[in-house]
Amino acid sequence: MVTDLKPSPLDAAVPGPAWRVLVVDGNSVNQRLWAHMLRRLGHKSLSVADGWEAIDALAVFPADVILMDLDLPDSGGFESALYIREQARHPARPWIIGTTIHPEPEDYDRAMQVGMNDFLLKSGQAEALERALHYAEKSMGGAGRLRAARLSPIAAGPAQAGSPSEARASAIDTV
């Protein structure tokens, strides 16, 4: 994974409140890359190495968004996302974005079946992460609604035509 560290439009002030993003990735280099991109986008993050740590972390770091690696070393990302959904007070929150560097054609469908809200290929490009977070905000009616989701459930619907999820799913089908 390679990232371009030269100044970009992402270095500008980000409107709206910072989100709490839990990064669940078994690779420490990926964790640092995600944290760097999130910081540049104006968000706070906490990184953990596996699904069990993610479940424990949610007790002290109530995340708005989770970036969940699908290929976790000790507990898979799919299983962890399903467990988080089953234990959550509100079944559609936090917003879970499945991530992988080696997508399989069935990954997108399986991610949606276990309650993930979106799917992101690990490209190392902050713009792709920014688009996924913007889609999350748009889908939930704005950043304020994202935080409020902990108090009142908002049903998550299927990916809409033209959404980043659908575009990524199409890209995966061609791999």
C-alpha atoms as a PDB file:
ATOM      1  CA  MET A   1       0.000   0.000   0.000  1.00  0.00           C
ATOM      2  CA  VAL A   2       1.488   3.317  -1.052  1.00  0.00           C
ATOM      3  CA  THR A   3       0.237   6.750  -0.160  1.00  0.00           C
ATOM      4  CA  ASP A   4       1.006  10.168  -1.546  1.00  0.00           C
ATOM      5  CA  LEU A   5       1.992  12.416   1.363  1.00  0.00           C
ATOM      6  CA  LYS A   6       2.208  15.667  -0.617  1.00  0.00           C
ATOM      7  CA  PRO A   7      -0.309  18.368   0.344  1.00  0.00           C
ATOM      8  CA  SER A   8      -3.771  17.737  -1.030  1.00  0.00           C
ATOM      9  CA  PRO A   9      -7.237  19.281  -0.854  1.00  0.00           C
ATOM     10  CA  LEU A  10      -7.826  16.956   2.093  1.00  0.00           C
ATOM     11  CA  ASP A  11      -5.449  19.065   4.190  1.00  0.00           C
ATOM     12  CA  ALA A  12      -8.017  21.881   4.197  1.00  0.00           C
ATOM     13  CA  ALA A  13     -10.320  22.278   7.183  1.00  0.00           C
ATOM     14  CA  VAL A  14     -13.066  19.684   7.217  1.00  0.00           C
ATOM     15  CA  PRO A  15     -16.551  21.040   7.918  1.00  0.00           C
ATOM     16  CA  GLY A  16     -18.677  19.409  10.570  1.00  0.00           C
ATOM     17  CA  PRO A  17     -17.758  17.491  13.708  1.00  0.00           C
ATOM     18  CA  ALA A  18     -14.965  14.961  13.828  1.00  0.00           C
ATOM     19  CA  TRP A  19     -16.124  11.363  13.781  1.00  0.00           C
ATOM     20  CA  ARG A  20     -14.748   8.615  15.977  1.00  0.00           C
ATOM     21  CA  VAL A  21     -13.450   5.899  13.667  1.00  0.00           C
ATOM     22  CA  LEU A  22     -12.382   2.488  14.926  1.00  0.00           C
ATOM     23  CA  VAL A  23      -9.765   0.961  12.631  1.00  0.00           C
ATOM     24  CA  VAL A  24      -9.713  -2.841  12.833  1.00  0.00           C
ATOM     25  CA  ASP A  25      -6.737  -4.136  10.867  1.00  0.00           C
ATOM     26  CA  GLY A  26      -4.195  -6.848  11.676  1.00  0.00           C
ATOM     27  CA  ASN A  27      -1.386  -5.029   9.868  1.00  0.00           C
ATOM     28  CA  SER A  28       0.301  -2.247  11.860  1.00  0.00           C
ATOM     29  CA  VAL A  29       1.409  -0.440   8.686  1.00  0.00           C
ATOM     30  CA  ASN A  30      -2.200  -0.343   7.466  1.00  0.00           C
ATOM     31  CA  GLN A  31      -3.321   0.888  10.895  1.00  0.00           C
ATOM     32  CA  ARG A  32      -0.889   3.805  10.715  1.00  0.00           C
ATOM     33  CA  LEU A  33      -1.911   4.601   7.136  1.00  0.00           C
ATOM     34  CA  TRP A  34      -5.631   4.636   8.019  1.00  0.00           C
ATOM     35  CA  ALA A  35      -4.918   6.781  11.116  1.00  0.00           C
ATOM     36  CA  HIS A  36      -2.880   9.240   9.038  1.00  0.00           C
ATOM     37  CA  MET A  37      -5.609   9.597   6.406  1.00  0.00           C
ATOM     38  CA  LEU A  38      -8.343   9.956   9.034  1.00  0.00           C
ATOM     39  CA  ARG A  39      -6.353  12.609  10.888  1.00  0.00           C
ATOM     40  CA  ARG A  40      -5.898  14.544   7.625  1.00  0.00           C
ATOM     41  CA  LEU A  41      -9.653  14.336   7.101  1.00  0.00           C
ATOM     42  CA  GLY A  42     -10.242  15.771  10.585  1.00  0.00           C
ATOM     43  CA  HIS A  43     -11.440  12.601  12.330  1.00  0.00           C
ATOM     44  CA  LYS A  44     -10.321  10.830  15.500  1.00  0.00           C
ATOM     45  CA  SER A  45      -9.311   7.196  15.327  1.00  0.00           C
ATOM     46  CA  LEU A  46      -8.367   4.236  17.455  1.00  0.00           C
ATOM     47  CA  SER A  47      -6.645   1.208  15.917  1.00  0.00           C
ATOM     48  CA  VAL A  48      -6.887  -2.404  17.045  1.00  0.00           C
ATOM     49  CA  ALA A  49      -5.508  -5.597  15.551  1.00  0.00           C
ATOM     50  CA  ASP A  50      -8.444  -8.008  15.652  1.00  0.00           C
ATOM     51  CA  GLY A  51     -12.158  -8.414  16.119  1.00  0.00           C
ATOM     52  CA  TRP A  52     -11.987  -9.288  19.810  1.00  0.00           C
ATOM     53  CA  GLU A  53     -10.013  -6.100  20.489  1.00  0.00           C
ATOM     54  CA  ALA A  54     -12.587  -4.179  18.440  1.00  0.00           C
ATOM     55  CA  ILE A  55     -15.430  -5.503  20.578  1.00  0.00           C
ATOM     56  CA  ASP A  56     -13.555  -4.519  23.757  1.00  0.00           C
ATOM     57  CA  ALA A  57     -12.620  -1.110  22.313  1.00  0.00           C
ATOM     58  CA  LEU A  58     -16.237  -0.231  21.535  1.00  0.00           C
ATOM     59  CA  ALA A  59     -16.956  -0.255  25.267  1.00  0.00           C
ATOM     60  CA  VAL A  60     -14.578   2.691  25.807  1.00  0.00           C
ATOM     61  CA  PHE A  61     -14.460   4.239  22.314  1.00  0.00           C
ATOM     62  CA  PRO A  62     -18.026   4.524  21.002  1.00  0.00           C
ATOM     63  CA  ALA A  63     -17.208   4.650  17.307  1.00  0.00           C
ATOM     64  CA  ASP A  64     -19.349   6.384  14.725  1.00  0.00           C
ATOM     65  CA  VAL A  65     -17.668   4.395  11.945  1.00  0.00           C
ATOM     66  CA  ILE A  66     -15.679   1.155  11.892  1.00  0.00           C
ATOM     67  CA  LEU A  67     -13.163   0.318   9.161  1.00  0.00           C
ATOM     68  CA  MET A  68     -13.188  -3.495   9.388  1.00  0.00           C
ATOM     69  CA  ASP A  69     -10.520  -5.552   7.630  1.00  0.00           C
ATOM     70  CA  LEU A  70     -12.175  -8.640   6.188  1.00  0.00           C
ATOM     71  CA  ASP A  71      -9.045 -10.761   6.669  1.00  0.00           C
ATOM     72  CA  LEU A  72      -8.320 -10.397  10.372  1.00  0.00           C
ATOM     73  CA  PRO A  73      -5.749 -12.772  11.881  1.00  0.00           C
ATOM     74  CA  ASP A  74      -7.681 -14.276  14.782  1.00  0.00           C
ATOM     75  CA  SER A  75     -11.330 -13.444  14.258  1.00  0.00           C
ATOM     76  CA  GLY A  76     -12.465 -12.691  10.739  1.00  0.00           C
ATOM     77  CA  GLY A  77     -13.900  -9.309   9.824  1.00  0.00           C
ATOM     78  CA  PHE A  78     -17.187 -10.857   8.721  1.00  0.00           C
ATOM     79  CA  GLU A  79     -17.670 -12.666  12.029  1.00  0.00           C
ATOM     80  CA  SER A  80     -16.652  -9.594  14.029  1.00  0.00           C
ATOM     81  CA  ALA A  81     -19.082  -7.349  12.136  1.00  0.00           C
ATOM     82  CA  LEU A  82     -21.897  -9.849  12.663  1.00  0.00           C
ATOM     83  CA  TYR A  83     -21.167 -10.031  16.397  1.00  0.00           C
ATOM     84  CA  ILE A  84     -21.057  -6.213  16.664  1.00  0.00           C
ATOM     85  CA  ARG A  85     -24.410  -5.977  14.850  1.00  0.00           C
ATOM     86  CA  GLU A  86     -25.973  -8.620  17.105  1.00  0.00           C
ATOM     87  CA  GLN A  87     -24.761  -6.869  20.265  1.00  0.00           C
ATOM     88  CA  ALA A  88     -25.457  -3.264  19.221  1.00  0.00           C
ATOM     89  CA  ARG A  89     -28.288  -1.332  20.815  1.00  0.00           C
ATOM     90  CA  HIS A  90     -29.216  -0.114  17.358  1.00  0.00           C
ATOM     91  CA  PRO A  91     -28.745  -2.627  14.561  1.00  0.00           C
ATOM     92  CA  ALA A  92     -27.628  -0.082  11.940  1.00  0.00           C
ATOM     93  CA  ARG A  93     -24.949   1.600  14.036  1.00  0.00           C
ATOM     94  CA  PRO A  94     -22.050   2.077  14.074  1.00  0.00           C
ATOM     95  CA  TRP A  95     -21.589   2.429  10.303  1.00  0.00           C
ATOM     96  CA  ILE A  96     -19.289  -0.445   9.287  1.00  0.00           C
ATOM     97  CA  ILE A  97     -17.106  -0.258   6.190  1.00  0.00           C
ATOM     98  CA  GLY A  98     -15.508  -3.555   5.196  1.00  0.00           C
ATOM     99  CA  THR A  99     -11.972  -3.227   3.815  1.00  0.00           C
ATOM    100  CA  THR A 100      -9.720  -5.576   1.868  1.00  0.00           C
ATOM    101  CA  ILE A 101      -6.745  -5.481  -0.436  1.00  0.00           C
ATOM    102  CA  HIS A 102      -7.554  -8.797  -2.138  1.00  0.00           C
ATOM    103  CA  PRO A 103     -11.275  -8.777  -2.928  1.00  0.00           C
ATOM    104  CA  GLU A 104     -13.090 -11.934  -3.829  1.00  0.00           C
ATOM    105  CA  PRO A 105     -16.290 -11.692  -5.916  1.00  0.00           C
ATOM    106  CA  GLU A 106     -18.451 -12.846  -2.993  1.00  0.00           C
ATOM    107  CA  ASP A 107     -16.928 -10.431  -0.425  1.00  0.00           C
ATOM    108  CA  TYR A 108     -19.299  -7.544  -1.122  1.00  0.00           C
ATOM    109  CA  ASP A 109     -22.462  -9.648  -0.796  1.00  0.00           C
ATOM    110  CA  ARG A 110     -21.194 -11.374   2.329  1.00  0.00           C
ATOM    111  CA  ALA A 111     -20.230  -8.011   3.877  1.00  0.00           C
ATOM    112  CA  MET A 112     -23.759  -6.721   3.339  1.00  0.00           C
ATOM    113  CA  GLN A 113     -25.284  -9.942   4.726  1.00  0.00           C
ATOM    114  CA  VAL A 114     -23.423  -9.611   8.045  1.00  0.00           C
ATOM    115  CA  GLY A 115     -24.515  -5.999   8.488  1.00  0.00           C
ATOM    116  CA  MET A 116     -21.699  -3.969   7.001  1.00  0.00           C
ATOM    117  CA  ASN A 117     -22.885  -0.764   5.385  1.00  0.00           C
ATOM    118  CA  ASP A 118     -20.215  -0.263   2.742  1.00  0.00           C
ATOM    119  CA  PHE A 119     -17.127  -1.815   1.187  1.00  0.00           C
ATOM    120  CA  LEU A 120     -13.770  -0.162   0.472  1.00  0.00           C
ATOM    121  CA  LEU A 121     -10.768  -1.507  -1.368  1.00  0.00           C
ATOM    122  CA  LYS A 122      -7.501  -0.766   0.445  1.00  0.00           C
ATOM    123  CA  SER A 123      -5.864   1.512  -2.079  1.00  0.00           C
ATOM    124  CA  GLY A 124      -3.957   3.860   0.189  1.00  0.00           C
ATOM    125  CA  GLN A 125      -5.777   6.777  -1.410  1.00  0.00           C
ATOM    126  CA  ALA A 126      -7.289   9.220   1.041  1.00  0.00           C
ATOM    127  CA  GLU A 127      -9.782  10.339  -1.601  1.00  0.00           C
ATOM    128  CA  ALA A 128     -11.397   6.869  -1.654  1.00  0.00           C
ATOM    129  CA  LEU A 129     -11.733   6.945   2.134  1.00  0.00           C
ATOM    130  CA  GLU A 130     -13.135  10.464   1.976  1.00  0.00           C
ATOM    131  CA  ARG A 131     -15.762   9.349  -0.578  1.00  0.00           C
ATOM    132  CA  ALA A 132     -16.773   6.399   1.633  1.00  0.00           C
ATOM    133  CA  LEU A 133     -17.138   8.660   4.681  1.00  0.00           C
ATOM    134  CA  HIS A 134     -19.059  11.229   2.651  1.00  0.00           C
ATOM    135  CA  TYR A 135     -21.390   8.461   1.484  1.00  0.00           C
ATOM    136  CA  ALA A 136     -21.872   7.407   5.123  1.00  0.00           C
ATOM    137  CA  GLU A 137     -22.731  10.965   6.092  1.00  0.00           C
ATOM    138  CA  LYS A 138     -25.103  11.376   3.148  1.00  0.00           C
ATOM    139  CA  SER A 139     -26.786   8.032   3.831  1.00  0.00           C
ATOM    140  CA  MET A 140     -27.420   8.948   7.439  1.00  0.00           C
ATOM    141  CA  GLY A 141     -28.605  12.459   6.732  1.00  0.00           C
ATOM    142  CA  GLY A 142     -25.517  14.350   7.886  1.00  0.00           C
ATOM    143  CA  ALA A 143     -22.850  14.177  10.557  1.00  0.00           C
ATOM    144  CA  GLY A 144     -25.254  15.253  13.287  1.00  0.00           C
ATOM    145  CA  ARG A 145     -27.497  12.281  12.507  1.00  0.00           C
ATOM    146  CA  LEU A 146     -24.464  10.005  12.686  1.00  0.00           C
ATOM    147  CA  ARG A 147     -23.883  10.845  16.337  1.00  0.00           C
ATOM    148  CA  ALA A 148     -27.606  10.880  17.140  1.00  0.00           C
ATOM    149  CA  ALA A 149     -27.942   7.352  15.773  1.00  0.00           C
ATOM    150  CA  ARG A 150     -26.807   6.009  19.131  1.00  0.00           C
ATOM    151  CA  LEU A 151     -29.965   7.429  20.669  1.00  0.00           C
ATOM    152  CA  SER A 152     -32.501   6.585  17.998  1.00  0.00           C
ATOM    153  CA  PRO A 153     -32.248   3.765  15.472  1.00  0.00           C
ATOM    154  CA  ILE A 154     -32.120   4.622  11.797  1.00  0.00           C
ATOM    155  CA  ALA A 155     -32.699   1.694   9.483  1.00  0.00           C
ATOM    156  CA  ALA A 156     -29.961   1.153   6.944  1.00  0.00           C
ATOM    157  CA  GLY A 157     -31.266   0.360   3.520  1.00  0.00           C
ATOM    158  CA  PRO A 158     -29.555  -1.470   0.693  1.00  0.00           C
ATOM    159  CA  ALA A 159     -26.916   0.281  -1.376  1.00  0.00           C
ATOM    160  CA  GLN A 160     -28.509   2.687  -3.800  1.00  0.00           C
ATOM    161  CA  ALA A 161     -27.828   2.662  -7.517  1.00  0.00           C
ATOM    162  CA  GLY A 162     -24.740   4.716  -8.196  1.00  0.00           C
ATOM    163  CA  SER A 163     -23.509   4.551  -4.587  1.00  0.00           C
ATOM    164  CA  PRO A 164     -19.820   3.961  -3.839  1.00  0.00           C
ATOM    165  CA  SER A 165     -20.787   0.498  -2.583  1.00  0.00           C
ATOM    166  CA  GLU A 166     -22.344  -0.442  -5.889  1.00  0.00           C
ATOM    167  CA  ALA A 167     -19.411   0.947  -7.855  1.00  0.00           C
ATOM    168  CA  ARG A 168     -16.945  -1.019  -5.723  1.00  0.00           C
ATOM    169  CA  ALA A 169     -19.053  -4.157  -6.060  1.00  0.00           C
ATOM    170  CA  SER A 170     -18.908  -3.799  -9.832  1.00  0.00           C
ATOM    171  CA  ALA A 171     -15.142  -3.374  -9.663  1.00  0.00           C
ATOM    172  CA  ILE A 172     -14.846  -6.502  -7.520  1.00  0.00           C
ATOM    173  CA  ASP A 173     -16.872  -8.524  -9.993  1.00  0.00           C
ATOM    174  CA  THR A 174     -14.241  -7.771 -12.638  1.00  0.00           C
ATOM    175  CA  VAL A 175     -11.316  -8.983 -10.500  1.00  0.00           C
END
